[in-house]
Amino acid sequence: MNNPYNQKAAYRKTQVETASPEALILMLYDGALRFIGQAEIAFEEKNIEQISNLLLRIQAIFAELMTALDKEKGGEIAVNLERLYVFFLEKLGDANIKKDVAPLLEIKPLIQNLRNTWEMAMQRHQNSAPAAPPRPRLNVAV
């Protein structure tokens, strides 16, 4: 019997394993925003355990994004992203320690803007990339 949860997990695993590095970053931003939405609900319900778990998951995402930064290639942009991620981690820590939604709501639009900017950059890069050369056709006479 197929478990829908297992099917969803398998699909997600395949998605991650086949995604480009750029798409993985977008997926991480999407995951952070999804967990923020869930954390907002947990705050409304005063579900302390779920709040803590979700905020830790969001922190793990930004810790992962920080480790993926290449300051040598990324230069000033990578340095500024690192500062932004540290800011996010601090706010998430504050929200978790104080069990206060305000720091989370403060960073949510920044994360959404960062995600949207990343998606636009990906699209522009795809549109500016040279097209693949046409595949040669076989000329077969019957």
N, C-alpha and C. Protein backbone atom coordinates (compact mmCIF):
# COMPACT_ATOMS: atom_id res chain seq x y z
N MET A 1 0.84 -1.18 0.00
CA MET A 1 0.00 0.00 0.00
C MET A 1 0.89 1.25 0.00
N ASN A 2 0.64 2.16 -0.89
CA ASN A 2 1.44 3.36 -1.01
C ASN A 2 0.96 4.42 -0.02
N ASN A 3 1.90 4.90 0.77
CA ASN A 3 1.62 5.96 1.72
C ASN A 3 1.82 7.30 1.01
N PRO A 4 0.81 8.18 1.01
CA PRO A 4 0.96 9.47 0.32
C PRO A 4 2.12 10.30 0.86
N TYR A 5 2.39 10.18 2.17
CA TYR A 5 3.51 10.94 2.75
C TYR A 5 4.83 10.44 2.16
N ASN A 6 4.98 9.12 2.02
CA ASN A 6 6.20 8.56 1.45
C ASN A 6 6.36 8.97 -0.01
N GLN A 7 5.24 9.03 -0.74
CA GLN A 7 5.30 9.45 -2.14
C GLN A 7 5.75 10.90 -2.23
N LYS A 8 5.21 11.75 -1.36
CA LYS A 8 5.57 13.16 -1.37
C LYS A 8 7.05 13.33 -1.00
N ALA A 9 7.51 12.58 -0.01
CA ALA A 9 8.91 12.65 0.41
C ALA A 9 9.82 12.17 -0.72
N ALA A 10 9.43 11.12 -1.41
CA ALA A 10 10.24 10.60 -2.52
C ALA A 10 10.30 11.62 -3.66
N TYR A 11 9.17 12.27 -3.95
CA TYR A 11 9.13 13.28 -4.99
C TYR A 11 10.05 14.45 -4.63
N ARG A 12 9.97 14.89 -3.37
CA ARG A 12 10.81 15.99 -2.93
C ARG A 12 12.28 15.63 -3.00
N LYS A 13 12.60 14.40 -2.61
CA LYS A 13 13.99 13.95 -2.66
C LYS A 13 14.51 13.98 -4.10
N THR A 14 13.70 13.50 -5.02
CA THR A 14 14.09 13.52 -6.43
C THR A 14 14.25 14.94 -6.93
N GLN A 15 13.33 15.81 -6.51
CA GLN A 15 13.40 17.22 -6.91
C GLN A 15 14.73 17.83 -6.46
N VAL A 16 15.11 17.57 -5.22
CA VAL A 16 16.34 18.13 -4.66
C VAL A 16 17.56 17.55 -5.35
N GLU A 17 17.54 16.25 -5.58
CA GLU A 17 18.71 15.58 -6.18
C GLU A 17 18.95 15.99 -7.63
N THR A 18 17.91 16.42 -8.33
CA THR A 18 18.06 16.76 -9.74
C THR A 18 18.10 18.27 -10.01
N ALA A 19 17.93 19.07 -8.96
CA ALA A 19 17.87 20.52 -9.13
C ALA A 19 19.26 21.12 -9.31
N SER A 20 19.30 22.23 -10.02
CA SER A 20 20.55 22.98 -10.17
C SER A 20 20.86 23.67 -8.84
N PRO A 21 22.10 24.10 -8.62
CA PRO A 21 22.41 24.82 -7.39
C PRO A 21 21.54 26.07 -7.20
N GLU A 22 21.25 26.74 -8.30
CA GLU A 22 20.41 27.94 -8.23
C GLU A 22 18.99 27.59 -7.79
N ALA A 23 18.46 26.50 -8.34
CA ALA A 23 17.11 26.07 -7.98
C ALA A 23 17.06 25.60 -6.53
N LEU A 24 18.14 25.00 -6.05
CA LEU A 24 18.19 24.57 -4.64
C LEU A 24 18.08 25.77 -3.70
N ILE A 25 18.74 26.85 -4.05
CA ILE A 25 18.66 28.05 -3.22
C ILE A 25 17.22 28.57 -3.20
N LEU A 26 16.59 28.59 -4.35
CA LEU A 26 15.19 29.02 -4.41
C LEU A 26 14.31 28.10 -3.55
N MET A 27 14.58 26.81 -3.60
CA MET A 27 13.82 25.86 -2.80
C MET A 27 14.03 26.12 -1.30
N LEU A 28 15.24 26.49 -0.92
CA LEU A 28 15.50 26.81 0.49
C LEU A 28 14.73 28.05 0.92
N TYR A 29 14.72 29.08 0.09
CA TYR A 29 13.93 30.27 0.42
C TYR A 29 12.45 29.91 0.53
N ASP A 30 11.96 29.10 -0.41
CA ASP A 30 10.56 28.69 -0.36
C ASP A 30 10.26 27.91 0.92
N GLY A 31 11.18 27.04 1.30
CA GLY A 31 11.00 26.27 2.53
C GLY A 31 10.96 27.17 3.75
N ALA A 32 11.85 28.16 3.79
CA ALA A 32 11.86 29.10 4.91
C ALA A 32 10.53 29.84 5.00
N LEU A 33 10.03 30.28 3.86
CA LEU A 33 8.75 31.01 3.86
C LEU A 33 7.59 30.09 4.25
N ARG A 34 7.64 28.84 3.82
CA ARG A 34 6.59 27.90 4.20
C ARG A 34 6.60 27.67 5.71
N PHE A 35 7.79 27.50 6.28
CA PHE A 35 7.90 27.29 7.73
C PHE A 35 7.52 28.56 8.50
N ILE A 36 7.78 29.73 7.93
CA ILE A 36 7.36 30.97 8.59
C ILE A 36 5.84 31.01 8.67
N GLY A 37 5.19 30.66 7.58
CA GLY A 37 3.72 30.62 7.59
C GLY A 37 3.19 29.66 8.65
N GLN A 38 3.81 28.50 8.74
CA GLN A 38 3.41 27.52 9.74
C GLN A 38 3.69 28.03 11.16
N ALA A 39 4.81 28.73 11.32
CA ALA A 39 5.16 29.29 12.64
C ALA A 39 4.16 30.36 13.05
N GLU A 40 3.72 31.17 12.09
CA GLU A 40 2.70 32.19 12.41
C GLU A 40 1.44 31.53 12.98
N ILE A 41 1.03 30.43 12.38
CA ILE A 41 -0.14 29.69 12.87
C ILE A 41 0.15 29.14 14.26
N ALA A 42 1.35 28.59 14.45
CA ALA A 42 1.72 28.04 15.76
C ALA A 42 1.71 29.14 16.83
N PHE A 43 2.15 30.35 16.46
CA PHE A 43 2.10 31.47 17.42
C PHE A 43 0.65 31.79 17.78
N GLU A 44 -0.23 31.81 16.78
CA GLU A 44 -1.65 32.08 17.04
C GLU A 44 -2.24 31.03 17.98
N GLU A 45 -1.82 29.78 17.78
CA GLU A 45 -2.35 28.67 18.60
C GLU A 45 -1.60 28.52 19.91
N LYS A 46 -0.53 29.32 20.10
CA LYS A 46 0.31 29.26 21.29
C LYS A 46 0.89 27.85 21.50
N ASN A 47 1.26 27.22 20.40
CA ASN A 47 1.85 25.89 20.42
C ASN A 47 3.37 26.06 20.53
N ILE A 48 3.86 26.13 21.77
CA ILE A 48 5.26 26.45 22.05
C ILE A 48 6.22 25.46 21.41
N GLU A 49 5.91 24.18 21.49
CA GLU A 49 6.80 23.16 20.92
C GLU A 49 6.92 23.32 19.41
N GLN A 50 5.79 23.52 18.75
CA GLN A 50 5.81 23.67 17.30
C GLN A 50 6.51 24.97 16.90
N ILE A 51 6.28 26.03 17.66
CA ILE A 51 6.98 27.31 17.38
C ILE A 51 8.49 27.07 17.38
N SER A 52 8.96 26.44 18.44
CA SER A 52 10.39 26.21 18.58
C SER A 52 10.93 25.35 17.44
N ASN A 53 10.24 24.26 17.13
CA ASN A 53 10.69 23.37 16.06
C ASN A 53 10.75 24.08 14.71
N LEU A 54 9.73 24.86 14.41
CA LEU A 54 9.68 25.56 13.12
C LEU A 54 10.76 26.63 13.02
N LEU A 55 10.95 27.38 14.09
CA LEU A 55 11.98 28.43 14.07
C LEU A 55 13.37 27.80 13.93
N LEU A 56 13.59 26.65 14.56
CA LEU A 56 14.87 25.96 14.41
C LEU A 56 15.07 25.48 12.97
N ARG A 57 14.00 25.04 12.33
CA ARG A 57 14.10 24.61 10.93
C ARG A 57 14.46 25.78 10.03
N ILE A 58 13.85 26.94 10.30
CA ILE A 58 14.16 28.13 9.50
C ILE A 58 15.61 28.54 9.73
N GLN A 59 16.05 28.48 10.98
CA GLN A 59 17.45 28.81 11.28
C GLN A 59 18.40 27.86 10.55
N ALA A 60 18.04 26.58 10.50
CA ALA A 60 18.88 25.60 9.80
C ALA A 60 18.99 25.94 8.31
N ILE A 61 17.90 26.43 7.74
CA ILE A 61 17.92 26.81 6.33
C ILE A 61 18.91 27.95 6.11
N PHE A 62 18.85 28.97 6.97
CA PHE A 62 19.77 30.10 6.77
C PHE A 62 21.20 29.76 7.12
N ALA A 63 21.40 28.83 8.04
CA ALA A 63 22.76 28.34 8.31
C ALA A 63 23.30 27.62 7.07
N GLU A 64 22.45 26.84 6.42
CA GLU A 64 22.84 26.14 5.19
C GLU A 64 23.15 27.15 4.07
N LEU A 65 22.32 28.15 3.94
CA LEU A 65 22.56 29.18 2.92
C LEU A 65 23.88 29.90 3.18
N MET A 66 24.19 30.13 4.45
CA MET A 66 25.46 30.79 4.79
C MET A 66 26.65 29.93 4.39
N THR A 67 26.56 28.62 4.62
CA THR A 67 27.68 27.75 4.28
C THR A 67 27.86 27.64 2.76
N ALA A 68 26.79 27.90 2.02
CA ALA A 68 26.86 27.80 0.55
C ALA A 68 27.48 29.05 -0.08
N LEU A 69 27.63 30.12 0.69
CA LEU A 69 28.18 31.35 0.13
C LEU A 69 29.65 31.16 -0.26
N ASP A 70 30.01 31.67 -1.41
CA ASP A 70 31.39 31.65 -1.88
C ASP A 70 31.84 33.11 -1.94
N LYS A 71 32.50 33.56 -0.87
CA LYS A 71 32.90 34.97 -0.79
C LYS A 71 33.97 35.32 -1.81
N GLU A 72 34.74 34.33 -2.22
CA GLU A 72 35.78 34.59 -3.21
C GLU A 72 35.15 34.93 -4.57
N LYS A 73 34.19 34.13 -4.99
CA LYS A 73 33.52 34.38 -6.28
C LYS A 73 32.43 35.43 -6.15
N GLY A 74 31.72 35.43 -5.02
CA GLY A 74 30.58 36.31 -4.84
C GLY A 74 30.93 37.72 -4.39
N GLY A 75 32.13 37.89 -3.86
CA GLY A 75 32.61 39.21 -3.46
C GLY A 75 31.68 39.91 -2.48
N GLU A 76 31.42 41.17 -2.77
CA GLU A 76 30.62 42.02 -1.88
C GLU A 76 29.19 41.50 -1.71
N ILE A 77 28.63 40.93 -2.75
CA ILE A 77 27.26 40.41 -2.66
C ILE A 77 27.21 39.27 -1.64
N ALA A 78 28.18 38.37 -1.70
CA ALA A 78 28.22 37.25 -0.75
C ALA A 78 28.41 37.75 0.68
N VAL A 79 29.26 38.75 0.85
CA VAL A 79 29.49 39.31 2.19
C VAL A 79 28.19 39.94 2.72
N ASN A 80 27.49 40.67 1.86
CA ASN A 80 26.23 41.29 2.29
C ASN A 80 25.14 40.26 2.57
N LEU A 81 25.10 39.20 1.77
CA LEU A 81 24.14 38.13 2.04
C LEU A 81 24.44 37.47 3.38
N GLU A 82 25.72 37.27 3.66
CA GLU A 82 26.08 36.68 4.95
C GLU A 82 25.60 37.56 6.10
N ARG A 83 25.78 38.85 5.98
CA ARG A 83 25.30 39.78 7.02
C ARG A 83 23.78 39.68 7.17
N LEU A 84 23.10 39.60 6.06
CA LEU A 84 21.64 39.48 6.08
C LEU A 84 21.21 38.17 6.74
N TYR A 85 21.88 37.09 6.40
CA TYR A 85 21.55 35.80 7.00
C TYR A 85 21.82 35.80 8.51
N VAL A 86 22.89 36.43 8.93
CA VAL A 86 23.19 36.55 10.37
C VAL A 86 22.07 37.34 11.06
N PHE A 87 21.62 38.41 10.42
CA PHE A 87 20.51 39.21 10.95
C PHE A 87 19.26 38.34 11.09
N PHE A 88 18.96 37.55 10.06
CA PHE A 88 17.80 36.65 10.11
C PHE A 88 17.95 35.67 11.28
N LEU A 89 19.12 35.09 11.42
CA LEU A 89 19.35 34.12 12.50
C LEU A 89 19.16 34.77 13.87
N GLU A 90 19.62 36.01 14.02
CA GLU A 90 19.44 36.71 15.29
C GLU A 90 17.96 36.95 15.57
N LYS A 91 17.22 37.39 14.57
CA LYS A 91 15.79 37.65 14.75
C LYS A 91 15.03 36.36 15.05
N LEU A 92 15.39 35.29 14.37
CA LEU A 92 14.75 34.00 14.62
C LEU A 92 15.05 33.52 16.03
N GLY A 93 16.28 33.74 16.47
CA GLY A 93 16.65 33.39 17.85
C GLY A 93 15.84 34.19 18.85
N ASP A 94 15.70 35.50 18.59
CA ASP A 94 14.89 36.35 19.47
C ASP A 94 13.45 35.86 19.53
N ALA A 95 12.88 35.55 18.38
CA ALA A 95 11.49 35.07 18.33
C ALA A 95 11.34 33.79 19.13
N ASN A 96 12.33 32.92 19.04
CA ASN A 96 12.25 31.64 19.74
C ASN A 96 12.43 31.80 21.24
N ILE A 97 13.40 32.58 21.65
CA ILE A 97 13.67 32.77 23.08
C ILE A 97 12.51 33.48 23.76
N LYS A 98 12.02 34.55 23.12
CA LYS A 98 10.95 35.36 23.73
C LYS A 98 9.56 34.83 23.42
N LYS A 99 9.48 33.85 22.52
CA LYS A 99 8.19 33.33 22.03
C LYS A 99 7.31 34.50 21.60
N ASP A 100 7.94 35.34 20.75
CA ASP A 100 7.30 36.55 20.24
C ASP A 100 7.34 36.51 18.72
N VAL A 101 6.19 36.70 18.09
CA VAL A 101 6.10 36.63 16.64
C VAL A 101 6.67 37.87 15.96
N ALA A 102 6.83 38.99 16.67
CA ALA A 102 7.24 40.25 16.06
C ALA A 102 8.55 40.15 15.27
N PRO A 103 9.62 39.57 15.83
CA PRO A 103 10.86 39.48 15.03
C PRO A 103 10.68 38.65 13.76
N LEU A 104 9.84 37.64 13.83
CA LEU A 104 9.57 36.81 12.65
C LEU A 104 8.86 37.62 11.58
N LEU A 105 7.87 38.39 12.00
CA LEU A 105 7.13 39.23 11.05
C LEU A 105 8.00 40.34 10.48
N GLU A 106 9.01 40.75 11.22
CA GLU A 106 9.92 41.79 10.76
C GLU A 106 10.78 41.29 9.59
N ILE A 107 11.20 40.03 9.64
CA ILE A 107 12.09 39.53 8.58
C ILE A 107 11.34 38.86 7.43
N LYS A 108 10.09 38.51 7.63
CA LYS A 108 9.34 37.80 6.58
C LYS A 108 9.34 38.55 5.24
N PRO A 109 9.02 39.86 5.21
CA PRO A 109 9.03 40.53 3.90
C PRO A 109 10.43 40.62 3.29
N LEU A 110 11.46 40.67 4.13
CA LEU A 110 12.83 40.71 3.60
C LEU A 110 13.17 39.38 2.92
N ILE A 111 12.75 38.30 3.56
CA ILE A 111 13.00 36.98 2.98
C ILE A 111 12.21 36.82 1.68
N GLN A 112 10.97 37.29 1.68
CA GLN A 112 10.14 37.21 0.47
C GLN A 112 10.77 38.01 -0.67
N ASN A 113 11.27 39.21 -0.37
CA ASN A 113 11.93 40.03 -1.40
C ASN A 113 13.20 39.35 -1.91
N LEU A 114 13.96 38.76 -1.00
CA LEU A 114 15.19 38.07 -1.39
C LEU A 114 14.87 36.89 -2.30
N ARG A 115 13.84 36.14 -1.95
CA ARG A 115 13.40 35.00 -2.75
C ARG A 115 12.99 35.45 -4.15
N ASN A 116 12.17 36.50 -4.22
CA ASN A 116 11.68 36.99 -5.51
C ASN A 116 12.82 37.54 -6.36
N THR A 117 13.77 38.21 -5.72
CA THR A 117 14.93 38.73 -6.45
C THR A 117 15.76 37.59 -7.01
N TRP A 118 15.94 36.54 -6.21
CA TRP A 118 16.70 35.38 -6.66
C TRP A 118 16.02 34.72 -7.86
N GLU A 119 14.69 34.60 -7.79
CA GLU A 119 13.95 33.99 -8.89
C GLU A 119 14.09 34.83 -10.16
N MET A 120 14.01 36.15 -10.04
CA MET A 120 14.17 37.02 -11.21
C MET A 120 15.58 36.89 -11.79
N ALA A 121 16.58 36.80 -10.94
CA ALA A 121 17.96 36.65 -11.42
C ALA A 121 18.12 35.33 -12.16
N MET A 122 17.50 34.28 -11.63
CA MET A 122 17.56 32.98 -12.32
C MET A 122 16.92 33.07 -13.70
N GLN A 123 15.77 33.73 -13.78
CA GLN A 123 15.07 33.85 -15.07
C GLN A 123 15.89 34.66 -16.06
N ARG A 124 16.48 35.75 -15.59
CA ARG A 124 17.30 36.57 -16.48
C ARG A 124 18.51 35.79 -16.98
N HIS A 125 19.10 35.01 -16.07
CA HIS A 125 20.27 34.21 -16.46
C HIS A 125 19.87 33.17 -17.51
N GLN A 126 18.72 32.53 -17.31
CA GLN A 126 18.25 31.53 -18.27
C GLN A 126 17.96 32.18 -19.62
N ASN A 127 17.37 33.37 -19.60
CA ASN A 127 17.03 34.06 -20.85
C ASN A 127 18.26 34.57 -21.58
N SER A 128 19.34 34.85 -20.84
CA SER A 128 20.53 35.38 -21.49
C SER A 128 21.52 34.28 -21.88
N ALA A 129 21.28 33.07 -21.41
CA ALA A 129 22.18 31.96 -21.74
C ALA A 129 22.02 31.62 -23.22
N PRO A 130 23.14 31.29 -23.86
CA PRO A 130 23.03 30.93 -25.28
C PRO A 130 22.21 29.66 -25.44
N ALA A 131 21.46 29.63 -26.51
CA ALA A 131 20.61 28.47 -26.78
C ALA A 131 21.49 27.28 -27.15
N ALA A 132 21.02 26.12 -26.83
CA ALA A 132 21.75 24.90 -27.19
C ALA A 132 21.73 24.76 -28.71
N PRO A 133 22.83 24.30 -29.27
CA PRO A 133 22.86 24.14 -30.74
C PRO A 133 21.84 23.09 -31.15
N PRO A 134 21.27 23.26 -32.34
CA PRO A 134 20.29 22.27 -32.80
C PRO A 134 20.95 20.91 -32.99
N ARG A 135 20.19 19.89 -32.69
CA ARG A 135 20.70 18.55 -32.87
C ARG A 135 20.74 18.21 -34.35
N PRO A 136 21.83 17.57 -34.80
CA PRO A 136 21.89 17.22 -36.23
C PRO A 136 20.84 16.19 -36.58
N ARG A 137 20.29 16.34 -37.75
CA ARG A 137 19.28 15.39 -38.23
C ARG A 137 19.95 14.33 -39.06
N LEU A 138 19.39 13.15 -38.93
CA LEU A 138 19.89 12.07 -39.78
C LEU A 138 19.22 12.16 -41.13
N ASN A 139 20.00 12.00 -42.15
CA ASN A 139 19.47 12.04 -43.49
C ASN A 139 19.45 10.60 -44.00
N VAL A 140 18.32 9.98 -43.82
CA VAL A 140 18.23 8.57 -44.17
C VAL A 140 17.34 8.43 -45.40
N ALA A 141 17.87 7.81 -46.41
CA ALA A 141 17.10 7.55 -47.62
C ALA A 141 16.57 6.12 -47.57
N VAL A 142 15.33 5.97 -47.93
CA VAL A 142 14.73 4.64 -47.89
C VAL A 142 14.73 4.02 -49.26
